[in-house]
C-alpha atoms as a PDB file:
ATOM      1  CA  MET A   1     129.109 108.160  48.318  1.00  0.00           C
ATOM      2  CA  ILE A   2     127.446 105.786  49.135  1.00  0.00           C
ATOM      3  CA  HIS A   3     123.555 104.701  49.052  1.00  0.00           C
ATOM      4  CA  PRO A   4     122.819 104.685  53.225  1.00  0.00           C
ATOM      5  CA  GLN A   5     121.115 100.721  52.800  1.00  0.00           C
ATOM      6  CA  PHE A   6     118.024 101.919  55.143  1.00  0.00           C
ATOM      7  CA  ASP A   7     115.260  98.881  56.587  1.00  0.00           C
ATOM      8  CA  PRO A   8     112.246  99.359  53.778  1.00  0.00           C
ATOM      9  CA  VAL A   9     110.606  98.568  57.400  1.00  0.00           C
ATOM     10  CA  ALA A  10     110.269 101.672  59.051  1.00  0.00           C
ATOM     11  CA  LEU A  11     108.149 100.035  62.357  1.00  0.00           C
ATOM     12  CA  ALA A  12     107.193  96.537  62.653  1.00  0.00           C
ATOM     13  CA  LEU A  13     104.680  95.375  65.254  1.00  0.00           C
ATOM     14  CA  GLY A  14     105.351  92.347  65.754  1.00  0.00           C
ATOM     15  CA  PRO A  15     104.094  90.418  62.752  1.00  0.00           C
ATOM     16  CA  LEU A  16     102.792  94.005  61.557  1.00  0.00           C
ATOM     17  CA  GLN A  17     105.397  95.808  59.448  1.00  0.00           C
ATOM     18  CA  ILE A  18     104.747  99.035  58.040  1.00  0.00           C
ATOM     19  CA  GLN A  19     106.668  99.981  55.143  1.00  0.00           C
ATOM     20  CA  TRP A  20     109.203 103.455  53.720  1.00  0.00           C
ATOM     21  CA  TYR A  21     107.202 103.393  50.617  1.00  0.00           C
ATOM     22  CA  GLY A  22     103.566 102.864  52.087  1.00  0.00           C
ATOM     23  CA  LEU A  23     104.121 105.442  54.599  1.00  0.00           C
ATOM     24  CA  MET A  24     106.084 107.616  51.452  1.00  0.00           C
ATOM     25  CA  TYR A  25     102.584 107.103  50.043  1.00  0.00           C
ATOM     26  CA  LEU A  26      99.980 108.046  52.519  1.00  0.00           C
ATOM     27  CA  ALA A  27     102.496 111.501  52.733  1.00  0.00           C
ATOM     28  CA  GLY A  28     101.613 112.271  49.018  1.00  0.00           C
ATOM     29  CA  PHE A  29      97.984 111.455  49.648  1.00  0.00           C
ATOM     30  CA  ALA A  30      98.239 114.055  52.677  1.00  0.00           C
ATOM     31  CA  ALA A  31      99.513 116.519  51.075  1.00  0.00           C
ATOM     32  CA  GLY A  32      97.026 116.475  48.510  1.00  0.00           C
ATOM     33  CA  LEU A  33      94.143 116.687  50.846  1.00  0.00           C
ATOM     34  CA  TYR A  34      95.352 119.989  52.643  1.00  0.00           C
ATOM     35  CA  LEU A  35      96.613 120.931  49.780  1.00  0.00           C
ATOM     36  CA  GLY A  36      93.205 120.547  48.266  1.00  0.00           C
ATOM     37  CA  ILE A  37      91.237 121.860  51.250  1.00  0.00           C
ATOM     38  CA  TRP A  38      93.314 124.793  50.806  1.00  0.00           C
ATOM     39  CA  ARG A  39      92.765 125.755  47.863  1.00  0.00           C
ATOM     40  CA  ALA A  40      88.986 124.449  47.891  1.00  0.00           C
ATOM     41  CA  ARG A  41      88.961 127.173  50.687  1.00  0.00           C
ATOM     42  CA  LYS A  42      90.963 129.925  49.825  1.00  0.00           C
ATOM     43  CA  GLN A  43      90.025 130.158  45.656  1.00  0.00           C
ATOM     44  CA  SER A  44      86.539 129.695  45.906  1.00  0.00           C
ATOM     45  CA  TRP A  45      85.986 130.557  42.046  1.00  0.00           C
ATOM     46  CA  ARG A  46      87.293 127.059  41.932  1.00  0.00           C
ATOM     47  CA  GLY A  47      83.430 125.821  43.040  1.00  0.00           C
ATOM     48  CA  PHE A  48      84.765 122.558  44.891  1.00  0.00           C
ATOM     49  CA  THR A  49      84.201 122.437  49.139  1.00  0.00           C
ATOM     50  CA  SER A  50      85.992 120.869  51.529  1.00  0.00           C
ATOM     51  CA  GLU A  51      83.709 117.426  51.858  1.00  0.00           C
ATOM     52  CA  GLN A  52      84.133 116.962  47.611  1.00  0.00           C
ATOM     53  CA  VAL A  53      87.555 117.338  47.921  1.00  0.00           C
ATOM     54  CA  GLN A  54      87.483 114.921  50.778  1.00  0.00           C
ATOM     55  CA  ASP A  55      85.310 112.601  48.524  1.00  0.00           C
ATOM     56  CA  LEU A  56      88.026 113.142  45.646  1.00  0.00           C
ATOM     57  CA  LEU A  57      90.301 112.339  47.232  1.00  0.00           C
ATOM     58  CA  PHE A  58      88.844 108.913  47.193  1.00  0.00           C
ATOM     59  CA  TYR A  59      88.321 108.447  43.912  1.00  0.00           C
ATOM     60  CA  ILE A  60      92.000 109.520  42.947  1.00  0.00           C
ATOM     61  CA  VAL A  61      93.361 106.946  46.030  1.00  0.00           C
ATOM     62  CA  VAL A  62      92.017 104.006  44.156  1.00  0.00           C
ATOM     63  CA  GLY A  63      93.079 105.256  40.353  1.00  0.00           C
ATOM     64  CA  ILE A  64      96.278 105.134  41.801  1.00  0.00           C
ATOM     65  CA  ILE A  65      96.628 102.087  43.264  1.00  0.00           C
ATOM     66  CA  VAL A  66      94.805  99.889  41.005  1.00  0.00           C
ATOM     67  CA  GLY A  67      95.652 102.120  37.485  1.00  0.00           C
ATOM     68  CA  GLY A  68      99.118 101.914  38.485  1.00  0.00           C
ATOM     69  CA  ARG A  69      99.420  98.295  39.473  1.00  0.00           C
ATOM     70  CA  VAL A  70      97.782  97.303  35.991  1.00  0.00           C
ATOM     71  CA  GLY A  71     100.551  99.918  34.166  1.00  0.00           C
ATOM     72  CA  TYR A  72     102.796  97.997  35.566  1.00  0.00           C
ATOM     73  CA  VAL A  73     102.134  94.867  34.277  1.00  0.00           C
ATOM     74  CA  LEU A  74     100.918  96.300  30.920  1.00  0.00           C
ATOM     75  CA  PHE A  75     103.454  98.949  30.326  1.00  0.00           C
ATOM     76  CA  TYR A  76     106.387  96.027  32.154  1.00  0.00           C
ATOM     77  CA  ASN A  77     105.363  92.492  32.460  1.00  0.00           C
ATOM     78  CA  LEU A  78     103.035  91.808  30.089  1.00  0.00           C
ATOM     79  CA  SER A  79     104.781  88.982  29.467  1.00  0.00           C
ATOM     80  CA  GLU A  80     104.628  87.572  33.036  1.00  0.00           C
ATOM     81  CA  PHE A  81     100.974  88.297  33.291  1.00  0.00           C
ATOM     82  CA  PHE A  82     100.401  86.065  29.909  1.00  0.00           C
ATOM     83  CA  GLN A  83     102.347  83.248  31.885  1.00  0.00           C
ATOM     84  CA  ASN A  84     100.431  83.780  35.180  1.00  0.00           C
ATOM     85  CA  PRO A  85      97.058  86.518  34.814  1.00  0.00           C
ATOM     86  CA  LEU A  86      96.812  85.980  38.771  1.00  0.00           C
ATOM     87  CA  TYR A  87     100.202  87.999  38.778  1.00  0.00           C
ATOM     88  CA  LEU A  88      97.977  91.361  38.300  1.00  0.00           C
ATOM     89  CA  PHE A  89      97.034  90.729  42.021  1.00  0.00           C
ATOM     90  CA  ARG A  90      99.810  89.901  43.545  1.00  0.00           C
ATOM     91  CA  ILE A  91     100.423  93.368  44.792  1.00  0.00           C
ATOM     92  CA  TRP A  92     102.891  92.081  47.782  1.00  0.00           C
ATOM     93  CA  GLU A  93     105.535  91.526  45.356  1.00  0.00           C
ATOM     94  CA  GLY A  94     105.758  95.406  44.222  1.00  0.00           C
ATOM     95  CA  GLY A  95     105.624  96.842  40.958  1.00  0.00           C
ATOM     96  CA  MET A  96     103.536  99.766  40.048  1.00  0.00           C
ATOM     97  CA  SER A  97     103.752 102.752  36.614  1.00  0.00           C
ATOM     98  CA  PHE A  98     103.309 106.309  37.435  1.00  0.00           C
ATOM     99  CA  HIS A  99     101.928 106.170  33.841  1.00  0.00           C
ATOM    100  CA  GLY A 100      99.530 103.565  34.823  1.00  0.00           C
ATOM    101  CA  GLY A 101      98.355 105.677  37.721  1.00  0.00           C
ATOM    102  CA  PHE A 102      97.866 108.809  35.942  1.00  0.00           C
ATOM    103  CA  LEU A 103      95.254 106.878  33.193  1.00  0.00           C
ATOM    104  CA  GLY A 104      93.426 105.344  36.758  1.00  0.00           C
ATOM    105  CA  VAL A 105      93.443 109.545  38.164  1.00  0.00           C
ATOM    106  CA  CYS A 106      92.410 109.902  34.739  1.00  0.00           C
ATOM    107  CA  LEU A 107      89.228 107.627  34.784  1.00  0.00           C
ATOM    108  CA  ALA A 108      88.282 108.838  38.379  1.00  0.00           C
ATOM    109  CA  VAL A 109      88.063 112.257  37.412  1.00  0.00           C
ATOM    110  CA  ILE A 110      85.966 111.557  34.322  1.00  0.00           C
ATOM    111  CA  LEU A 111      83.788 109.356  37.446  1.00  0.00           C
ATOM    112  CA  PHE A 112      84.375 112.389  40.286  1.00  0.00           C
ATOM    113  CA  ALA A 113      83.018 114.638  37.286  1.00  0.00           C
ATOM    114  CA  ARG A 114      79.747 112.575  35.722  1.00  0.00           C
ATOM    115  CA  LYS A 115      78.807 112.113  39.774  1.00  0.00           C
ATOM    116  CA  THR A 116      78.844 115.620  40.569  1.00  0.00           C
ATOM    117  CA  GLY A 117      78.104 117.374  37.234  1.00  0.00           C
ATOM    118  CA  LYS A 118      81.441 119.595  37.297  1.00  0.00           C
ATOM    119  CA  PRO A 119      82.939 119.577  33.606  1.00  0.00           C
ATOM    120  CA  ILE A 120      85.693 116.683  33.364  1.00  0.00           C
ATOM    121  CA  PHE A 121      88.538 119.767  33.180  1.00  0.00           C
ATOM    122  CA  ALA A 122      87.252 122.156  36.005  1.00  0.00           C
ATOM    123  CA  VAL A 123      87.899 118.573  38.078  1.00  0.00           C
ATOM    124  CA  GLY A 124      91.383 117.984  36.090  1.00  0.00           C
ATOM    125  CA  ASP A 125      92.265 121.556  36.243  1.00  0.00           C
ATOM    126  CA  PHE A 126      91.683 121.755  39.877  1.00  0.00           C
ATOM    127  CA  VAL A 127      93.981 117.657  40.414  1.00  0.00           C
ATOM    128  CA  ALA A 128      96.791 118.305  38.366  1.00  0.00           C
ATOM    129  CA  PRO A 129      98.361 120.731  41.237  1.00  0.00           C
ATOM    130  CA  LEU A 130      98.082 118.741  43.965  1.00  0.00           C
ATOM    131  CA  VAL A 131      99.834 115.630  42.093  1.00  0.00           C
ATOM    132  CA  PRO A 132     103.480 116.467  42.270  1.00  0.00           C
ATOM    133  CA  PRO A 133     103.720 116.654  46.366  1.00  0.00           C
ATOM    134  CA  GLY A 134     102.771 112.675  45.801  1.00  0.00           C
ATOM    135  CA  ILE A 135     105.138 111.748  42.928  1.00  0.00           C
ATOM    136  CA  PHE A 136     108.092 113.905  45.098  1.00  0.00           C
ATOM    137  CA  PHE A 137     107.345 111.393  48.383  1.00  0.00           C
ATOM    138  CA  GLY A 138     107.108 108.271  45.851  1.00  0.00           C
ATOM    139  CA  ARG A 139     110.575 109.141  44.500  1.00  0.00           C
ATOM    140  CA  LEU A 140     111.945 109.348  48.291  1.00  0.00           C
ATOM    141  CA  GLY A 141     110.096 106.278  48.964  1.00  0.00           C
ATOM    142  CA  ASN A 142     112.170 104.858  46.118  1.00  0.00           C
ATOM    143  CA  PHE A 143     115.542 106.425  46.866  1.00  0.00           C
ATOM    144  CA  ILE A 144     114.752 104.741  50.449  1.00  0.00           C
ATOM    145  CA  ASN A 145     114.483 101.082  48.872  1.00  0.00           C
ATOM    146  CA  GLY A 146     117.968 101.987  47.492  1.00  0.00           C
ATOM    147  CA  GLU A 147     115.437 100.816  43.943  1.00  0.00           C
ATOM    148  CA  LEU A 148     115.651 102.661  40.577  1.00  0.00           C
ATOM    149  CA  TRP A 149     118.896 103.605  40.071  1.00  0.00           C
ATOM    150  CA  GLY A 150     120.975 105.325  37.830  1.00  0.00           C
ATOM    151  CA  ARG A 151     123.156 104.802  34.804  1.00  0.00           C
ATOM    152  CA  PRO A 152     127.123 104.248  35.900  1.00  0.00           C
ATOM    153  CA  THR A 153     128.879 107.970  36.048  1.00  0.00           C
ATOM    154  CA  ASP A 154     131.704 109.772  37.092  1.00  0.00           C
ATOM    155  CA  VAL A 155     130.014 112.919  38.056  1.00  0.00           C
ATOM    156  CA  SER A 156     131.338 113.452  41.876  1.00  0.00           C
ATOM    157  CA  TRP A 157     127.778 113.412  43.720  1.00  0.00           C
ATOM    158  CA  GLY A 158     127.682 109.524  42.172  1.00  0.00           C
ATOM    159  CA  MET A 159     126.229 107.095  44.343  1.00  0.00           C
ATOM    160  CA  ILE A 160     127.559 103.401  45.063  1.00  0.00           C
ATOM    161  CA  PHE A 161     124.262 100.982  45.477  1.00  0.00           C
ATOM    162  CA  PRO A 162     125.885  98.433  47.204  1.00  0.00           C
ATOM    163  CA  GLN A 163     122.734  95.683  46.720  1.00  0.00           C
ATOM    164  CA  ILE A 164     123.369  95.930  43.245  1.00  0.00           C
ATOM    165  CA  ASP A 165     127.312  96.149  42.487  1.00  0.00           C
ATOM    166  CA  GLY A 166     130.238  98.435  43.318  1.00  0.00           C
ATOM    167  CA  LEU A 167     129.542 100.774  40.189  1.00  0.00           C
ATOM    168  CA  VAL A 168     128.759 104.775  40.869  1.00  0.00           C
ATOM    169  CA  ARG A 169     125.722 105.433  39.802  1.00  0.00           C
ATOM    170  CA  HIS A 170     122.913 109.112  38.877  1.00  0.00           C
ATOM    171  CA  PRO A 171     120.946 108.835  42.093  1.00  0.00           C
ATOM    172  CA  SER A 172     117.936 108.970  39.577  1.00  0.00           C
ATOM    173  CA  GLN A 173     115.883 108.629  42.409  1.00  0.00           C
ATOM    174  CA  LEU A 174     116.682 111.909  43.791  1.00  0.00           C
ATOM    175  CA  TYR A 175     116.857 113.637  40.124  1.00  0.00           C
ATOM    176  CA  GLN A 176     113.130 112.584  39.442  1.00  0.00           C
ATOM    177  CA  MET A 177     111.852 113.930  43.461  1.00  0.00           C
ATOM    178  CA  ALA A 178     113.387 117.124  42.018  1.00  0.00           C
ATOM    179  CA  GLY A 179     112.110 117.448  38.709  1.00  0.00           C
ATOM    180  CA  GLU A 180     109.042 115.596  38.595  1.00  0.00           C
ATOM    181  CA  GLY A 181     107.962 116.447  42.653  1.00  0.00           C
ATOM    182  CA  LEU A 182     109.535 119.686  43.472  1.00  0.00           C
ATOM    183  CA  GLY A 183     109.667 121.076  40.471  1.00  0.00           C
ATOM    184  CA  LEU A 184     106.810 120.520  38.807  1.00  0.00           C
ATOM    185  CA  PHE A 185     105.100 121.139  41.712  1.00  0.00           C
ATOM    186  CA  ILE A 186     106.172 125.007  41.608  1.00  0.00           C
ATOM    187  CA  LEU A 187     105.409 125.138  37.804  1.00  0.00           C
ATOM    188  CA  MET A 188     101.378 123.549  38.468  1.00  0.00           C
ATOM    189  CA  TRP A 189     101.209 126.034  41.987  1.00  0.00           C
ATOM    190  CA  TRP A 190     102.251 129.095  40.058  1.00  0.00           C
ATOM    191  CA  PHE A 191     100.427 128.687  36.779  1.00  0.00           C
ATOM    192  CA  SER A 192      97.311 127.639  38.469  1.00  0.00           C
ATOM    193  CA  ARG A 193      96.972 130.475  41.353  1.00  0.00           C
ATOM    194  CA  ASN A 194      95.003 132.879  38.962  1.00  0.00           C
ATOM    195  CA  PRO A 195      91.815 131.670  36.587  1.00  0.00           C
ATOM    196  CA  ARG A 196      93.158 129.844  33.292  1.00  0.00           C
ATOM    197  CA  PRO A 197      91.407 128.792  30.241  1.00  0.00           C
ATOM    198  CA  ARG A 198      89.505 125.200  31.234  1.00  0.00           C
ATOM    199  CA  MET A 199      91.812 122.515  30.430  1.00  0.00           C
ATOM    200  CA  ALA A 200      95.405 124.923  29.969  1.00  0.00           C
ATOM    201  CA  VAL A 201      96.024 123.550  34.238  1.00  0.00           C
ATOM    202  CA  SER A 202      95.967 120.289  33.421  1.00  0.00           C
ATOM    203  CA  GLY A 203      96.994 120.333  29.543  1.00  0.00           C
ATOM    204  CA  LEU A 204     100.543 122.156  31.654  1.00  0.00           C
ATOM    205  CA  PHE A 205     101.197 119.304  34.108  1.00  0.00           C
ATOM    206  CA  ILE A 206     101.042 116.786  31.012  1.00  0.00           C
ATOM    207  CA  VAL A 207     103.504 118.625  28.958  1.00  0.00           C
ATOM    208  CA  GLY A 208     105.626 119.335  32.331  1.00  0.00           C
ATOM    209  CA  TYR A 209     105.591 115.880  33.450  1.00  0.00           C
ATOM    210  CA  GLY A 210     106.788 115.018  30.132  1.00  0.00           C
ATOM    211  CA  VAL A 211     109.111 116.482  29.930  1.00  0.00           C
ATOM    212  CA  PHE A 212     111.124 116.148  33.544  1.00  0.00           C
ATOM    213  CA  ARG A 213     110.574 112.470  33.270  1.00  0.00           C
ATOM    214  CA  THR A 214     112.138 112.269  29.600  1.00  0.00           C
ATOM    215  CA  ALA A 215     114.725 114.274  30.896  1.00  0.00           C
ATOM    216  CA  ALA A 216     115.510 112.118  34.047  1.00  0.00           C
ATOM    217  CA  GLU A 217     115.092 108.829  31.274  1.00  0.00           C
ATOM    218  CA  PHE A 218     118.562 109.650  30.195  1.00  0.00           C
ATOM    219  CA  PHE A 219     119.882 109.366  33.389  1.00  0.00           C
ATOM    220  CA  ARG A 220     118.533 106.050  34.501  1.00  0.00           C
ATOM    221  CA  GLU A 221     119.289 102.894  34.454  1.00  0.00           C
ATOM    222  CA  PRO A 222     117.178 101.333  32.104  1.00  0.00           C
ATOM    223  CA  ASP A 223     114.595  98.005  32.484  1.00  0.00           C
ATOM    224  CA  GLU A 224     116.877  94.894  32.174  1.00  0.00           C
ATOM    225  CA  HIS A 225     114.255  93.210  31.026  1.00  0.00           C
ATOM    226  CA  LEU A 226     113.312  95.935  28.386  1.00  0.00           C
ATOM    227  CA  GLY A 227     116.597  97.831  27.805  1.00  0.00           C
ATOM    228  CA  ILE A 228     117.107 100.191  25.108  1.00  0.00           C
ATOM    229  CA  ARG A 229     113.743 100.127  23.431  1.00  0.00           C
ATOM    230  CA  ALA A 230     114.612 101.762  20.022  1.00  0.00           C
ATOM    231  CA  LEU A 231     116.469 104.149  18.326  1.00  0.00           C
ATOM    232  CA  GLY A 232     119.875 103.490  20.460  1.00  0.00           C
ATOM    233  CA  PHE A 233     118.720 105.980  23.610  1.00  0.00           C
ATOM    234  CA  LEU A 234     114.598 105.642  23.683  1.00  0.00           C
ATOM    235  CA  THR A 235     113.680 103.408  27.215  1.00  0.00           C
ATOM    236  CA  GLN A 236     110.065 102.514  27.937  1.00  0.00           C
ATOM    237  CA  GLY A 237     109.775 105.379  30.321  1.00  0.00           C
ATOM    238  CA  MET A 238     110.900 108.002  27.311  1.00  0.00           C
ATOM    239  CA  ILE A 239     108.005 106.141  24.924  1.00  0.00           C
ATOM    240  CA  LEU A 240     104.970 106.675  27.367  1.00  0.00           C
ATOM    241  CA  SER A 241     106.164 110.449  28.240  1.00  0.00           C
ATOM    242  CA  ILE A 242     107.240 112.007  25.135  1.00  0.00           C
ATOM    243  CA  PRO A 243     103.427 111.444  23.230  1.00  0.00           C
ATOM    244  CA  MET A 244     102.322 113.077  27.240  1.00  0.00           C
ATOM    245  CA  ILE A 245     104.052 116.290  25.737  1.00  0.00           C
ATOM    246  CA  LEU A 246     102.810 116.574  22.700  1.00  0.00           C
ATOM    247  CA  ILE A 247      99.286 116.050  23.967  1.00  0.00           C
ATOM    248  CA  GLY A 248      99.316 118.346  26.981  1.00  0.00           C
ATOM    249  CA  LEU A 249     100.885 121.402  23.933  1.00  0.00           C
ATOM    250  CA  LEU A 250      97.572 120.257  21.875  1.00  0.00           C
ATOM    251  CA  MET A 251      94.948 120.617  25.124  1.00  0.00           C
ATOM    252  CA  MET A 252      96.513 123.636  26.224  1.00  0.00           C
ATOM    253  CA  VAL A 253      96.598 125.365  22.547  1.00  0.00           C
ATOM    254  CA  TRP A 254      92.823 124.000  22.341  1.00  0.00           C
ATOM    255  CA  ALA A 255      91.839 125.700  25.423  1.00  0.00           C
ATOM    256  CA  TYR A 256      93.392 128.915  24.914  1.00  0.00           C
ATOM    257  CA  ARG A 257      91.849 128.885  21.996  1.00  0.00           C
ATOM    258  CA  ARG A 258      88.243 128.150  23.134  1.00  0.00           C
ATOM    259  CA  ASN A 259      89.162 130.468  26.249  1.00  0.00           C
ATOM    260  CA  VAL A 260      86.370 129.246  28.435  1.00  0.00           C
ATOM    261  CA  PHE A 261      87.045 129.782  32.042  1.00  0.00           C
ATOM    262  CA  ASP A 262      85.008 128.603  35.032  1.00  0.00           C
ATOM    263  CA  THR A 263      84.735 131.875  36.657  1.00  0.00           C
ATOM    264  CA  ALA A 264      84.007 134.825  34.150  1.00  0.00           C
ATOM    265  CA  PRO A 265      87.108 137.366  34.515  1.00  0.00           C
ATOM    266  CA  ALA A 266      86.648 140.841  36.680  1.00  0.00           C
ATOM    267  CA  VAL A 267      84.947 143.655  34.750  1.00  0.00           C
ATOM    268  CA  GLU A 268      86.736 146.561  35.198  1.00  0.00           C
ATOM    269  CA  PRO A 269      84.491 149.765  35.551  1.00  0.00           C
ATOM    270  CA  SER A 270      85.389 152.709  33.395  1.00  0.00           C
ATOM    271  CA  VAL A 271      85.825 156.589  35.196  1.00  0.00           C
ATOM    272  CA  ASN A 272      82.649 157.317  35.072  1.00  0.00           C
ATOM    273  CA  GLY A 273      80.950 153.959  36.614  1.00  0.00           C
ATOM    274  CA  SER A 274      79.961 151.907  33.860  1.00  0.00           C
ATOM    275  CA  THR A 275      81.417 148.837  32.179  1.00  0.00           C
ATOM    276  CA  SER A 276      83.470 150.065  29.416  1.00  0.00           C
ATOM    277  CA  ALA A 277      81.239 148.047  25.812  1.00  0.00           C
ATOM    278  CA  SER A 278      84.443 145.927  25.371  1.00  0.00           C
ATOM    279  CA  ALA A 279      84.756 144.521  28.605  1.00  0.00           C
ATOM    280  CA  ALA A 280      81.258 143.667  29.150  1.00  0.00           C
ATOM    281  CA  LYS A 281      81.212 141.805  25.909  1.00  0.00           C
ATOM    282  CA  SER A 282      83.881 140.126  26.890  1.00  0.00           C
ATOM    283  CA  GLY A 283      82.372 138.796  30.009  1.00  0.00           C
ATOM    284  CA  LYS A 284      79.067 138.268  28.227  1.00  0.00           C
ATOM    285  CA  THR A 285      80.992 136.505  25.686  1.00  0.00           C
ATOM    286  CA  SER A 286      82.801 133.729  29.286  1.00  0.00           C
ATOM    287  CA  SER A 287      80.178 133.581  31.060  1.00  0.00           C
ATOM    288  CA  LYS A 288      77.692 132.183  27.455  1.00  0.00           C
ATOM    289  CA  LYS A 289      80.711 130.013  26.978  1.00  0.00           C
ATOM    290  CA  GLN A 290      80.657 129.140  30.247  1.00  0.00           C
ATOM    291  CA  SER A 291      76.951 128.017  30.977  1.00  0.00           C
ATOM    292  CA  GLY A 292      76.877 126.913  27.111  1.00  0.00           C
ATOM    293  CA  LYS A 293      80.344 123.958  28.683  1.00  0.00           C
ATOM    294  CA  SER A 294      79.349 123.344  31.820  1.00  0.00           C
ATOM    295  CA  GLY A 295      77.316 120.618  31.510  1.00  0.00           C
ATOM    296  CA  LYS A 296      79.111 118.364  29.656  1.00  0.00           C
ATOM    297  CA  GLY A 297     106.658  99.525  43.448  1.00  0.00           C
ATOM    298  CA  LYS A 298     108.786  99.305  42.200  1.00  0.00           C
ATOM    299  CA  ARG A 299     109.368 100.323  38.437  1.00  0.00           C
ATOM    300  CA  THR A 300     106.875 103.341  37.852  1.00  0.00           C
END
């Protein structure tokens, strides 16, 4: 197969050019807003209103854009920044990093939680399942632009990217779209459909992204100016993603050890209509824990 060589400009209105990559960002934000409002309305136990979801999305958008750009410069082009610090602001030249955007979202979650008085990880658990659709559309934008291509291969579904060379390569953008986007979304949506201990959903997202991204790096061409970083196979993407797996696992273990819920689990009545002693004790403990804790573009 040959890459279709899409025009990166989706629509040109005189001097105004609307690029596919920008439209993919808008699609990701729109999907996050729709799903967030749906969760707020259908899962009232999460304690979010539609208005809060809209405010939260603004924080998230700023975090993604600022964090993505800063992360790209620091993680992938630090030498360029040292030579010309203004390079950080040359966004029109492209260059965004998922890991930088992730850190930007973490900061946005903290700021929003402080503003609203919500526990940080209650906000994080609400946001985490809304992120994969944005990754899905972002990877689709990478494919349309013909960037972030894969390593040479002889598989039957390999693709030639004529703008690079004549080699048959893995369409790694589609692999990441399927894994980090669709696969992670299904996992997160299934896991978060019911109440989980606070921090568990955030932890699973971090683990899930780290696993999918690390796997995709085996098929994706390493950055030309960075190459293989260590041990004969570790790429920059792996170096940034593997710690996420370990951190996410620790978060999930800690979440289930603390067993603090953002809503008390339902208490089942006994046959005679009274609440069983063990269930009442469990609900009381959970409520006590709850009250005690609630105060408290190119390269990606």
